């Protein structure tokens, strides 16, 4: 495993980040395809053996049980000083909870959410604290100052953002710089071979500002790993993924077909090629890879040594057509 600097910081991270959304207890109406703790621990342990040192979760994943499972496993298997843990704030602990102050990025919510995450993770600090969405109901100044105070209190080493428009991200960076507050160092955005809208504005902004990019859904919830005719439990039940991709499935089929063609020609799994495509993009540091089987993780790690030719990249990218924006809310 190779390690790279995390954007414009001195922190070293593996080129694959293990996403923990697939770990936890089943949450009715949200995720019903997650893995129980014993199976989750096998994947976490194997990731460490393979050199992965970067782990991503969120308070909302399986109502906090993802954080609990990840925290216990890392405490048992890893040296805390050598690993990088990221978690997120914005959504309430329970999906769909509309109670006052249960979600969002107000000072009150952020201070409460970080303490809850630290308790569930069983650690005194997280290395990266990420705003999961843009909060349209809280002044960005309030959010950035609260995040700055969390860093100064030692509860987070760095802060990052996820799923927003480029103008929003630039505004947050400007507000922090103007006031001498901690700046975002990373962007976790929605990006893969069949969803490339981030390349229009967000990716150039991140390059200019030396922001680490950690794309989520790098395999389009499995759509870049198999034939379109093959179905899975997640494919059938993951409403969020279906909302992202079903409407453009016909247009995306040309890219998936070309990916399968290169996979057959080179004898390399489609998932590895899709990840290799992401890794050659400027500012992409580590895709967030979810795994429901150890083999999925092992394949993802092997992708770091796969190199696509310029002709292959052009062939894969040529059929892309504009998509409706998905992710930035």
C-alpha atoms as a PDB file:
ATOM      1  CA  UNK A   1       0.000   0.000   0.000  1.00  0.00           C
ATOM      2  CA  UNK A   2       1.255   3.447  -0.900  1.00  0.00           C
ATOM      3  CA  UNK A   3       0.548   6.410   1.360  1.00  0.00           C
ATOM      4  CA  UNK A   4       0.006   9.962   0.171  1.00  0.00           C
ATOM      5  CA  UNK A   5      -0.296  13.346   1.825  1.00  0.00           C
ATOM      6  CA  UNK A   6      -3.852  14.366   2.566  1.00  0.00           C
ATOM      7  CA  UNK A   7      -4.169  17.415   0.350  1.00  0.00           C
ATOM      8  CA  UNK A   8      -2.320  20.426   1.729  1.00  0.00           C
ATOM      9  CA  UNK A   9      -1.596  18.771   5.085  1.00  0.00           C
ATOM     10  CA  UNK A  10       1.191  16.651   6.523  1.00  0.00           C
ATOM     11  CA  UNK A  11      -1.092  13.704   7.297  1.00  0.00           C
ATOM     12  CA  UNK A  12      -0.424  10.407   5.490  1.00  0.00           C
ATOM     13  CA  UNK A  13      -3.341   8.282   4.283  1.00  0.00           C
ATOM     14  CA  UNK A  14      -3.661   5.077   2.311  1.00  0.00           C
ATOM     15  CA  UNK A  15      -4.909   5.429  -1.276  1.00  0.00           C
ATOM     16  CA  UNK A  16      -7.977   3.421  -0.350  1.00  0.00           C
ATOM     17  CA  UNK A  17     -10.297   4.528   2.445  1.00  0.00           C
ATOM     18  CA  UNK A  18     -12.538   1.876   3.954  1.00  0.00           C
ATOM     19  CA  UNK A  19     -16.078   3.199   4.189  1.00  0.00           C
ATOM     20  CA  UNK A  20     -18.069   1.878   7.125  1.00  0.00           C
ATOM     21  CA  UNK A  21     -21.617   2.463   5.892  1.00  0.00           C
ATOM     22  CA  UNK A  22     -22.018  -1.279   5.366  1.00  0.00           C
ATOM     23  CA  UNK A  23     -21.277  -2.025   9.050  1.00  0.00           C
ATOM     24  CA  UNK A  24     -23.912  -1.879  11.751  1.00  0.00           C
ATOM     25  CA  UNK A  25     -27.332  -2.953  12.881  1.00  0.00           C
ATOM     26  CA  UNK A  26     -30.216  -2.903  10.433  1.00  0.00           C
ATOM     27  CA  UNK A  27     -32.046   0.426  10.423  1.00  0.00           C
ATOM     28  CA  UNK A  28     -35.659   0.040   9.242  1.00  0.00           C
ATOM     29  CA  UNK A  29     -36.401   2.328   6.327  1.00  0.00           C
ATOM     30  CA  UNK A  30     -32.744   3.275   5.793  1.00  0.00           C
ATOM     31  CA  UNK A  31     -30.240   0.426   5.433  1.00  0.00           C
ATOM     32  CA  UNK A  32     -31.289  -3.201   5.627  1.00  0.00           C
ATOM     33  CA  UNK A  33     -28.289  -4.753   3.878  1.00  0.00           C
ATOM     34  CA  UNK A  34     -25.596  -3.950   6.456  1.00  0.00           C
ATOM     35  CA  UNK A  35     -23.240  -6.494   8.052  1.00  0.00           C
ATOM     36  CA  UNK A  36     -23.351  -7.574  11.717  1.00  0.00           C
ATOM     37  CA  UNK A  37     -20.365  -6.893  13.939  1.00  0.00           C
ATOM     38  CA  UNK A  38     -18.583 -10.228  13.556  1.00  0.00           C
ATOM     39  CA  UNK A  39     -18.528  -9.949   9.753  1.00  0.00           C
ATOM     40  CA  UNK A  40     -17.648  -6.255   9.878  1.00  0.00           C
ATOM     41  CA  UNK A  41     -14.635  -6.921  12.100  1.00  0.00           C
ATOM     42  CA  UNK A  42     -13.206  -9.423   9.611  1.00  0.00           C
ATOM     43  CA  UNK A  43     -13.212  -6.764   6.901  1.00  0.00           C
ATOM     44  CA  UNK A  44     -11.744  -4.105   9.185  1.00  0.00           C
ATOM     45  CA  UNK A  45      -8.993  -6.478  10.351  1.00  0.00           C
ATOM     46  CA  UNK A  46      -8.155  -7.480   6.794  1.00  0.00           C
ATOM     47  CA  UNK A  47      -8.004  -3.851   5.689  1.00  0.00           C
ATOM     48  CA  UNK A  48      -5.403  -3.126   8.355  1.00  0.00           C
ATOM     49  CA  UNK A  49      -3.400  -6.177   7.292  1.00  0.00           C
ATOM     50  CA  UNK A  50      -3.417  -4.818   3.736  1.00  0.00           C
ATOM     51  CA  UNK A  51      -2.093  -1.440   4.864  1.00  0.00           C
ATOM     52  CA  UNK A  52      -5.307   0.583   4.870  1.00  0.00           C
ATOM     53  CA  UNK A  53      -5.030   3.265   7.556  1.00  0.00           C
ATOM     54  CA  UNK A  54      -7.955   5.513   6.557  1.00  0.00           C
ATOM     55  CA  UNK A  55     -11.503   4.783   7.783  1.00  0.00           C
ATOM     56  CA  UNK A  56     -14.688   6.729   7.129  1.00  0.00           C
ATOM     57  CA  UNK A  57     -18.010   6.557   8.964  1.00  0.00           C
ATOM     58  CA  UNK A  58     -20.840   8.880  10.055  1.00  0.00           C
ATOM     59  CA  UNK A  59     -23.170   9.331  12.983  1.00  0.00           C
ATOM     60  CA  UNK A  60     -26.177   8.453  10.820  1.00  0.00           C
ATOM     61  CA  UNK A  61     -24.824   5.133   9.559  1.00  0.00           C
ATOM     62  CA  UNK A  62     -27.008   2.469  11.164  1.00  0.00           C
ATOM     63  CA  UNK A  63     -28.050   4.951  13.869  1.00  0.00           C
ATOM     64  CA  UNK A  64     -24.544   5.187  15.286  1.00  0.00           C
ATOM     65  CA  UNK A  65     -23.793   1.470  15.422  1.00  0.00           C
ATOM     66  CA  UNK A  66     -21.365   1.794  12.513  1.00  0.00           C
ATOM     67  CA  UNK A  67     -19.240   4.123  14.642  1.00  0.00           C
ATOM     68  CA  UNK A  68     -19.452   1.733  17.589  1.00  0.00           C
ATOM     69  CA  UNK A  69     -18.384  -1.307  15.574  1.00  0.00           C
ATOM     70  CA  UNK A  70     -15.572   0.539  13.827  1.00  0.00           C
ATOM     71  CA  UNK A  71     -14.323   2.033  17.085  1.00  0.00           C
ATOM     72  CA  UNK A  72     -14.216  -1.289  18.913  1.00  0.00           C
ATOM     73  CA  UNK A  73     -12.438  -3.050  16.044  1.00  0.00           C
ATOM     74  CA  UNK A  74      -9.806  -0.340  15.613  1.00  0.00           C
ATOM     75  CA  UNK A  75      -9.173  -0.284  19.350  1.00  0.00           C
ATOM     76  CA  UNK A  76      -8.531  -4.034  19.275  1.00  0.00           C
ATOM     77  CA  UNK A  77      -6.533  -4.225  16.062  1.00  0.00           C
ATOM     78  CA  UNK A  78      -4.742  -0.919  15.473  1.00  0.00           C
ATOM     79  CA  UNK A  79      -2.384   1.671  16.928  1.00  0.00           C
ATOM     80  CA  UNK A  80      -4.507   4.821  17.257  1.00  0.00           C
ATOM     81  CA  UNK A  81      -1.634   7.134  16.327  1.00  0.00           C
ATOM     82  CA  UNK A  82      -1.116   5.356  12.997  1.00  0.00           C
ATOM     83  CA  UNK A  83      -4.685   5.364  11.715  1.00  0.00           C
ATOM     84  CA  UNK A  84      -6.962   8.085  10.385  1.00  0.00           C
ATOM     85  CA  UNK A  85     -10.616   8.108  11.451  1.00  0.00           C
ATOM     86  CA  UNK A  86     -13.193  10.300   9.758  1.00  0.00           C
ATOM     87  CA  UNK A  87     -16.798  10.775  10.790  1.00  0.00           C
ATOM     88  CA  UNK A  88     -19.546  13.216   9.857  1.00  0.00           C
ATOM     89  CA  UNK A  89     -22.168  15.587  11.221  1.00  0.00           C
ATOM     90  CA  UNK A  90     -25.391  17.059   9.851  1.00  0.00           C
ATOM     91  CA  UNK A  91     -27.976  14.304   9.869  1.00  0.00           C
ATOM     92  CA  UNK A  92     -29.480  13.313  13.174  1.00  0.00           C
ATOM     93  CA  UNK A  93     -28.580  10.016  14.755  1.00  0.00           C
ATOM     94  CA  UNK A  94     -31.906   8.521  13.713  1.00  0.00           C
ATOM     95  CA  UNK A  95     -32.807   8.914  10.052  1.00  0.00           C
ATOM     96  CA  UNK A  96     -35.932  10.988   9.591  1.00  0.00           C
ATOM     97  CA  UNK A  97     -35.893  12.445  13.108  1.00  0.00           C
ATOM     98  CA  UNK A  98     -37.423  15.937  12.843  1.00  0.00           C
ATOM     99  CA  UNK A  99     -37.087  16.930  16.501  1.00  0.00           C
ATOM    100  CA  UNK A 100     -35.677  20.436  17.123  1.00  0.00           C
ATOM    101  CA  UNK A 101     -31.858  20.600  17.138  1.00  0.00           C
ATOM    102  CA  UNK A 102     -31.548  16.903  16.280  1.00  0.00           C
ATOM    103  CA  UNK A 103     -29.668  17.631  13.063  1.00  0.00           C
ATOM    104  CA  UNK A 104     -28.014  20.401  11.074  1.00  0.00           C
ATOM    105  CA  UNK A 105     -24.810  22.366  11.528  1.00  0.00           C
ATOM    106  CA  UNK A 106     -25.710  24.891  14.201  1.00  0.00           C
ATOM    107  CA  UNK A 107     -23.206  25.402  16.994  1.00  0.00           C
ATOM    108  CA  UNK A 108     -25.548  23.535  19.336  1.00  0.00           C
ATOM    109  CA  UNK A 109     -25.898  20.573  16.983  1.00  0.00           C
ATOM    110  CA  UNK A 110     -22.213  20.333  16.096  1.00  0.00           C
ATOM    111  CA  UNK A 111     -21.054  20.411  19.718  1.00  0.00           C
ATOM    112  CA  UNK A 112     -23.539  17.684  20.590  1.00  0.00           C
ATOM    113  CA  UNK A 113     -22.827  15.532  17.544  1.00  0.00           C
ATOM    114  CA  UNK A 114     -19.046  15.497  17.958  1.00  0.00           C
ATOM    115  CA  UNK A 115     -19.317  14.377  21.578  1.00  0.00           C
ATOM    116  CA  UNK A 116     -21.734  11.608  20.612  1.00  0.00           C
ATOM    117  CA  UNK A 117     -19.472  10.382  17.825  1.00  0.00           C
ATOM    118  CA  UNK A 118     -16.385  10.378  20.043  1.00  0.00           C
ATOM    119  CA  UNK A 119     -18.232   8.353  22.674  1.00  0.00           C
ATOM    120  CA  UNK A 120     -19.444   5.796  20.135  1.00  0.00           C
ATOM    121  CA  UNK A 121     -16.017   5.540  18.482  1.00  0.00           C
ATOM    122  CA  UNK A 122     -14.311   5.191  21.851  1.00  0.00           C
ATOM    123  CA  UNK A 123     -11.670   7.795  21.081  1.00  0.00           C
ATOM    124  CA  UNK A 124     -10.712  11.231  22.367  1.00  0.00           C
ATOM    125  CA  UNK A 125     -10.514  12.732  18.887  1.00  0.00           C
ATOM    126  CA  UNK A 126     -11.218  12.115  15.223  1.00  0.00           C
ATOM    127  CA  UNK A 127      -8.647  12.918  12.582  1.00  0.00           C
ATOM    128  CA  UNK A 128     -11.188  14.327  10.136  1.00  0.00           C
ATOM    129  CA  UNK A 129     -14.598  15.769  11.007  1.00  0.00           C
ATOM    130  CA  UNK A 130     -16.805  16.206   7.949  1.00  0.00           C
ATOM    131  CA  UNK A 131     -19.953  18.235   7.344  1.00  0.00           C
ATOM    132  CA  UNK A 132     -22.219  15.695   5.670  1.00  0.00           C
ATOM    133  CA  UNK A 133     -24.366  18.255   3.830  1.00  0.00           C
ATOM    134  CA  UNK A 134     -24.787  22.016   3.494  1.00  0.00           C
ATOM    135  CA  UNK A 135     -27.080  23.504   6.136  1.00  0.00           C
ATOM    136  CA  UNK A 136     -29.371  26.037   4.466  1.00  0.00           C
ATOM    137  CA  UNK A 137     -30.819  27.087   7.826  1.00  0.00           C
ATOM    138  CA  UNK A 138     -27.607  28.013   9.680  1.00  0.00           C
ATOM    139  CA  UNK A 139     -25.222  30.862   8.819  1.00  0.00           C
ATOM    140  CA  UNK A 140     -21.992  29.430   7.469  1.00  0.00           C
ATOM    141  CA  UNK A 141     -20.106  31.715   9.882  1.00  0.00           C
ATOM    142  CA  UNK A 142     -21.703  29.915  12.828  1.00  0.00           C
ATOM    143  CA  UNK A 143     -20.816  26.514  11.403  1.00  0.00           C
ATOM    144  CA  UNK A 144     -17.198  27.367  10.592  1.00  0.00           C
ATOM    145  CA  UNK A 145     -16.529  28.952  13.968  1.00  0.00           C
ATOM    146  CA  UNK A 146     -17.981  25.927  15.781  1.00  0.00           C
ATOM    147  CA  UNK A 147     -15.805  23.584  13.701  1.00  0.00           C
ATOM    148  CA  UNK A 148     -12.775  25.764  14.432  1.00  0.00           C
ATOM    149  CA  UNK A 149     -13.507  25.535  18.163  1.00  0.00           C
ATOM    150  CA  UNK A 150     -13.750  21.731  17.933  1.00  0.00           C
ATOM    151  CA  UNK A 151     -10.297  21.629  16.338  1.00  0.00           C
ATOM    152  CA  UNK A 152      -8.848  23.976  18.962  1.00  0.00           C
ATOM    153  CA  UNK A 153     -10.401  21.853  21.704  1.00  0.00           C
ATOM    154  CA  UNK A 154      -8.527  18.822  20.364  1.00  0.00           C
ATOM    155  CA  UNK A 155     -11.629  16.895  19.383  1.00  0.00           C
ATOM    156  CA  UNK A 156     -10.738  16.910  15.673  1.00  0.00           C
ATOM    157  CA  UNK A 157      -7.412  17.277  13.894  1.00  0.00           C
ATOM    158  CA  UNK A 158      -8.815  18.489  10.565  1.00  0.00           C
ATOM    159  CA  UNK A 159     -12.197  19.348   9.071  1.00  0.00           C
ATOM    160  CA  UNK A 160     -13.683  18.416   5.716  1.00  0.00           C
ATOM    161  CA  UNK A 161     -16.887  18.815   3.754  1.00  0.00           C
ATOM    162  CA  UNK A 162     -19.139  16.641   1.624  1.00  0.00           C
ATOM    163  CA  UNK A 163     -21.867  16.952  -0.992  1.00  0.00           C
ATOM    164  CA  UNK A 164     -22.319  20.620  -1.787  1.00  0.00           C
ATOM    165  CA  UNK A 165     -22.091  23.001  -4.707  1.00  0.00           C
ATOM    166  CA  UNK A 166     -18.748  24.566  -5.573  1.00  0.00           C
ATOM    167  CA  UNK A 167     -19.991  28.069  -4.722  1.00  0.00           C
ATOM    168  CA  UNK A 168     -20.945  26.862  -1.249  1.00  0.00           C
ATOM    169  CA  UNK A 169     -17.568  25.256  -0.683  1.00  0.00           C
ATOM    170  CA  UNK A 170     -15.795  28.407  -1.850  1.00  0.00           C
ATOM    171  CA  UNK A 171     -17.933  30.514   0.486  1.00  0.00           C
ATOM    172  CA  UNK A 172     -17.006  28.301   3.448  1.00  0.00           C
ATOM    173  CA  UNK A 173     -13.308  28.512   2.573  1.00  0.00           C
ATOM    174  CA  UNK A 174     -13.546  32.295   2.279  1.00  0.00           C
ATOM    175  CA  UNK A 175     -15.374  32.726   5.592  1.00  0.00           C
ATOM    176  CA  UNK A 176     -12.767  30.623   7.397  1.00  0.00           C
ATOM    177  CA  UNK A 177      -9.848  32.469   5.844  1.00  0.00           C
ATOM    178  CA  UNK A 178     -11.423  35.880   6.483  1.00  0.00           C
ATOM    179  CA  UNK A 179     -11.854  35.137  10.194  1.00  0.00           C
ATOM    180  CA  UNK A 180      -8.669  33.171  10.806  1.00  0.00           C
ATOM    181  CA  UNK A 181     -10.596  29.947  11.439  1.00  0.00           C
ATOM    182  CA  UNK A 182      -9.681  26.395  10.495  1.00  0.00           C
ATOM    183  CA  UNK A 183     -10.248  25.715   6.785  1.00  0.00           C
ATOM    184  CA  UNK A 184     -11.680  22.632   5.174  1.00  0.00           C
ATOM    185  CA  UNK A 185      -8.892  20.382   3.907  1.00  0.00           C
ATOM    186  CA  UNK A 186     -10.995  17.799   2.069  1.00  0.00           C
ATOM    187  CA  UNK A 187     -14.052  17.311  -0.112  1.00  0.00           C
ATOM    188  CA  UNK A 188     -15.944  14.008  -0.076  1.00  0.00           C
ATOM    189  CA  UNK A 189     -18.023  14.264  -3.216  1.00  0.00           C
ATOM    190  CA  UNK A 190     -20.118  12.025  -5.415  1.00  0.00           C
ATOM    191  CA  UNK A 191     -17.970  10.978  -8.352  1.00  0.00           C
ATOM    192  CA  UNK A 192     -17.505   7.897 -10.512  1.00  0.00           C
ATOM    193  CA  UNK A 193     -17.399   6.845 -14.167  1.00  0.00           C
ATOM    194  CA  UNK A 194     -21.165   7.287 -14.620  1.00  0.00           C
ATOM    195  CA  UNK A 195     -21.493  10.452 -12.531  1.00  0.00           C
ATOM    196  CA  UNK A 196     -18.940  13.133 -13.406  1.00  0.00           C
ATOM    197  CA  UNK A 197     -20.750  16.418 -12.776  1.00  0.00           C
ATOM    198  CA  UNK A 198     -18.155  17.290 -10.118  1.00  0.00           C
ATOM    199  CA  UNK A 199     -15.558  17.734 -12.849  1.00  0.00           C
ATOM    200  CA  UNK A 200     -17.263  20.915 -14.042  1.00  0.00           C
ATOM    201  CA  UNK A 201     -16.583  23.178 -11.047  1.00  0.00           C
ATOM    202  CA  UNK A 202     -15.811  21.316  -7.822  1.00  0.00           C
ATOM    203  CA  UNK A 203     -12.737  19.437  -9.021  1.00  0.00           C
ATOM    204  CA  UNK A 204     -11.017  22.518 -10.518  1.00  0.00           C
ATOM    205  CA  UNK A 205     -11.739  24.405  -7.284  1.00  0.00           C
ATOM    206  CA  UNK A 206     -10.202  21.607  -5.213  1.00  0.00           C
ATOM    207  CA  UNK A 207      -7.118  21.583  -7.425  1.00  0.00           C
ATOM    208  CA  UNK A 208      -6.700  25.337  -7.082  1.00  0.00           C
ATOM    209  CA  UNK A 209      -7.115  25.231  -3.276  1.00  0.00           C
ATOM    210  CA  UNK A 210      -5.033  22.035  -2.814  1.00  0.00           C
ATOM    211  CA  UNK A 211      -8.027  20.219  -1.305  1.00  0.00           C
ATOM    212  CA  UNK A 212      -7.899  16.443  -0.841  1.00  0.00           C
ATOM    213  CA  UNK A 213     -10.721  14.736  -2.742  1.00  0.00           C
ATOM    214  CA  UNK A 214     -12.168  11.488  -1.359  1.00  0.00           C
ATOM    215  CA  UNK A 215     -15.006  10.451  -3.695  1.00  0.00           C
ATOM    216  CA  UNK A 216     -17.886   8.440  -2.301  1.00  0.00           C
ATOM    217  CA  UNK A 217     -19.840   5.872  -4.302  1.00  0.00           C
ATOM    218  CA  UNK A 218     -16.787   5.248  -6.527  1.00  0.00           C
ATOM    219  CA  UNK A 219     -18.375   2.086  -7.949  1.00  0.00           C
ATOM    220  CA  UNK A 220     -21.868   3.592  -8.299  1.00  0.00           C
ATOM    221  CA  UNK A 221     -23.275   1.272  -5.622  1.00  0.00           C
ATOM    222  CA  UNK A 222     -22.057  -1.777  -7.548  1.00  0.00           C
ATOM    223  CA  UNK A 223     -23.235  -0.747 -10.992  1.00  0.00           C
ATOM    224  CA  UNK A 224     -19.640  -0.532 -12.214  1.00  0.00           C
ATOM    225  CA  UNK A 225     -18.795  -4.026 -11.020  1.00  0.00           C
ATOM    226  CA  UNK A 226     -21.262  -6.234 -12.905  1.00  0.00           C
ATOM    227  CA  UNK A 227     -23.506  -6.627 -15.940  1.00  0.00           C
ATOM    228  CA  UNK A 228     -26.663  -4.529 -15.938  1.00  0.00           C
ATOM    229  CA  UNK A 229     -28.767  -7.690 -15.938  1.00  0.00           C
ATOM    230  CA  UNK A 230     -27.313  -8.930 -12.624  1.00  0.00           C
ATOM    231  CA  UNK A 231     -29.224  -7.985  -9.493  1.00  0.00           C
ATOM    232  CA  UNK A 232     -28.345  -7.962  -5.796  1.00  0.00           C
ATOM    233  CA  UNK A 233     -30.200  -7.359  -2.545  1.00  0.00           C
ATOM    234  CA  UNK A 234     -28.707  -3.894  -2.285  1.00  0.00           C
ATOM    235  CA  UNK A 235     -29.588  -3.104  -5.896  1.00  0.00           C
ATOM    236  CA  UNK A 236     -33.199  -4.007  -5.167  1.00  0.00           C
ATOM    237  CA  UNK A 237     -33.559  -2.350  -1.746  1.00  0.00           C
ATOM    238  CA  UNK A 238     -31.197   0.647  -1.678  1.00  0.00           C
ATOM    239  CA  UNK A 239     -33.618   3.480  -2.448  1.00  0.00           C
ATOM    240  CA  UNK A 240     -30.898   6.128  -2.211  1.00  0.00           C
ATOM    241  CA  UNK A 241     -28.758   4.413  -4.838  1.00  0.00           C
ATOM    242  CA  UNK A 242     -31.735   3.877  -7.112  1.00  0.00           C
ATOM    243  CA  UNK A 243     -32.593   7.562  -6.877  1.00  0.00           C
ATOM    244  CA  UNK A 244     -29.037   8.390  -7.947  1.00  0.00           C
ATOM    245  CA  UNK A 245     -28.713   6.100 -10.925  1.00  0.00           C
ATOM    246  CA  UNK A 246     -31.956   4.562 -12.213  1.00  0.00           C
ATOM    247  CA  UNK A 247     -33.105   7.555 -14.267  1.00  0.00           C
ATOM    248  CA  UNK A 248     -29.904   7.562 -16.349  1.00  0.00           C
ATOM    249  CA  UNK A 249     -29.377   3.817 -16.564  1.00  0.00           C
ATOM    250  CA  UNK A 250     -29.968   3.667 -20.318  1.00  0.00           C
ATOM    251  CA  UNK A 251     -27.434   6.403 -21.056  1.00  0.00           C
ATOM    252  CA  UNK A 252     -24.912   4.960 -18.595  1.00  0.00           C
ATOM    253  CA  UNK A 253     -25.069   1.507 -20.177  1.00  0.00           C
ATOM    254  CA  UNK A 254     -22.611   2.518 -22.913  1.00  0.00           C
ATOM    255  CA  UNK A 255     -19.938   3.331 -20.317  1.00  0.00           C
ATOM    256  CA  UNK A 256     -20.592   0.137 -18.369  1.00  0.00           C
ATOM    257  CA  UNK A 257     -20.322  -1.863 -21.604  1.00  0.00           C
ATOM    258  CA  UNK A 258     -16.977  -0.264 -22.442  1.00  0.00           C
ATOM    259  CA  UNK A 259     -15.718  -0.902 -18.928  1.00  0.00           C
ATOM    260  CA  UNK A 260     -16.633  -4.594 -19.335  1.00  0.00           C
ATOM    261  CA  UNK A 261     -14.818  -4.673 -22.675  1.00  0.00           C
ATOM    262  CA  UNK A 262     -11.562  -3.333 -21.206  1.00  0.00           C
ATOM    263  CA  UNK A 263     -11.975  -5.683 -18.238  1.00  0.00           C
ATOM    264  CA  UNK A 264     -12.219  -8.679 -20.571  1.00  0.00           C
ATOM    265  CA  UNK A 265      -9.300  -7.532 -22.715  1.00  0.00           C
ATOM    266  CA  UNK A 266      -6.958  -6.924 -19.793  1.00  0.00           C
ATOM    267  CA  UNK A 267      -8.191  -9.633 -17.437  1.00  0.00           C
ATOM    268  CA  UNK A 268      -8.695  -7.076 -14.674  1.00  0.00           C
ATOM    269  CA  UNK A 269     -11.937  -6.825 -12.650  1.00  0.00           C
ATOM    270  CA  UNK A 270     -14.208  -3.925 -13.541  1.00  0.00           C
ATOM    271  CA  UNK A 271     -14.111  -2.588  -9.999  1.00  0.00           C
ATOM    272  CA  UNK A 272     -10.330  -2.206 -10.155  1.00  0.00           C
ATOM    273  CA  UNK A 273     -10.519  -0.367 -13.469  1.00  0.00           C
ATOM    274  CA  UNK A 274     -13.213   1.991 -12.180  1.00  0.00           C
ATOM    275  CA  UNK A 275     -11.139   2.791  -9.101  1.00  0.00           C
ATOM    276  CA  UNK A 276      -7.983   3.212 -11.177  1.00  0.00           C
ATOM    277  CA  UNK A 277      -9.862   5.739 -13.331  1.00  0.00           C
ATOM    278  CA  UNK A 278     -10.690   7.761 -10.222  1.00  0.00           C
ATOM    279  CA  UNK A 279      -7.174   7.597  -8.807  1.00  0.00           C
ATOM    280  CA  UNK A 280      -5.686   9.201 -11.939  1.00  0.00           C
ATOM    281  CA  UNK A 281      -7.819  12.325 -11.433  1.00  0.00           C
ATOM    282  CA  UNK A 282      -6.071  15.393 -10.021  1.00  0.00           C
ATOM    283  CA  UNK A 283      -6.638  15.853  -6.278  1.00  0.00           C
ATOM    284  CA  UNK A 284      -8.233  12.412  -5.752  1.00  0.00           C
ATOM    285  CA  UNK A 285      -6.410  11.061  -2.719  1.00  0.00           C
ATOM    286  CA  UNK A 286      -8.464   8.043  -1.696  1.00  0.00           C
ATOM    287  CA  UNK A 287     -11.850   6.816  -2.905  1.00  0.00           C
ATOM    288  CA  UNK A 288     -14.230   5.758  -0.119  1.00  0.00           C
ATOM    289  CA  UNK A 289     -14.712   2.046  -0.746  1.00  0.00           C
ATOM    290  CA  UNK A 290     -17.454   0.112   0.984  1.00  0.00           C
ATOM    291  CA  UNK A 291     -17.069  -3.647   1.289  1.00  0.00           C
ATOM    292  CA  UNK A 292     -19.530  -6.355   2.205  1.00  0.00           C
ATOM    293  CA  UNK A 293     -16.981  -9.131   1.609  1.00  0.00           C
ATOM    294  CA  UNK A 294     -13.256  -9.410   2.271  1.00  0.00           C
ATOM    295  CA  UNK A 295     -12.737 -10.144  -1.428  1.00  0.00           C
ATOM    296  CA  UNK A 296     -14.254  -6.757  -2.333  1.00  0.00           C
ATOM    297  CA  UNK A 297     -11.706  -5.024  -0.141  1.00  0.00           C
ATOM    298  CA  UNK A 298      -8.777  -7.030  -1.462  1.00  0.00           C
ATOM    299  CA  UNK A 299      -9.773  -6.213  -5.038  1.00  0.00           C
ATOM    300  CA  UNK A 300     -10.024  -2.504  -4.196  1.00  0.00           C
ATOM    301  CA  UNK A 301      -6.527  -2.454  -2.716  1.00  0.00           C
ATOM    302  CA  UNK A 302      -5.138  -4.117  -5.843  1.00  0.00           C
ATOM    303  CA  UNK A 303      -6.613  -1.253  -7.892  1.00  0.00           C
ATOM    304  CA  UNK A 304      -3.920   1.094  -6.569  1.00  0.00           C
ATOM    305  CA  UNK A 305      -1.394  -0.651  -8.818  1.00  0.00           C
ATOM    306  CA  UNK A 306      -3.576  -0.608 -11.951  1.00  0.00           C
ATOM    307  CA  UNK A 307      -2.759   2.047 -14.546  1.00  0.00           C
ATOM    308  CA  UNK A 308      -5.061   2.966 -17.408  1.00  0.00           C
ATOM    309  CA  UNK A 309      -3.622   4.210 -20.690  1.00  0.00           C
ATOM    310  CA  UNK A 310      -4.648   7.596 -22.080  1.00  0.00           C
ATOM    311  CA  UNK A 311      -6.545   5.787 -24.849  1.00  0.00           C
ATOM    312  CA  UNK A 312      -8.444   3.650 -22.324  1.00  0.00           C
ATOM    313  CA  UNK A 313      -9.379   6.704 -20.273  1.00  0.00           C
ATOM    314  CA  UNK A 314     -10.629   8.523 -23.374  1.00  0.00           C
ATOM    315  CA  UNK A 315     -12.595   5.435 -24.474  1.00  0.00           C
ATOM    316  CA  UNK A 316     -14.314   5.167 -21.086  1.00  0.00           C
ATOM    317  CA  UNK A 317     -15.085   8.874 -20.835  1.00  0.00           C
ATOM    318  CA  UNK A 318     -16.312   9.511 -24.394  1.00  0.00           C
ATOM    319  CA  UNK A 319     -19.944   8.251 -24.022  1.00  0.00           C
ATOM    320  CA  UNK A 320     -20.686  10.372 -20.927  1.00  0.00           C
ATOM    321  CA  UNK A 321     -23.656  12.742 -21.126  1.00  0.00           C
ATOM    322  CA  UNK A 322     -24.702  15.431 -18.615  1.00  0.00           C
ATOM    323  CA  UNK A 323     -26.587  14.189 -15.553  1.00  0.00           C
ATOM    324  CA  UNK A 324     -28.914  15.851 -13.111  1.00  0.00           C
ATOM    325  CA  UNK A 325     -26.946  16.944 -10.053  1.00  0.00           C
ATOM    326  CA  UNK A 326     -27.113  14.283  -7.334  1.00  0.00           C
ATOM    327  CA  UNK A 327     -25.452  14.668  -3.945  1.00  0.00           C
ATOM    328  CA  UNK A 328     -25.369  18.423  -3.448  1.00  0.00           C
ATOM    329  CA  UNK A 329     -28.647  19.202  -1.730  1.00  0.00           C
END
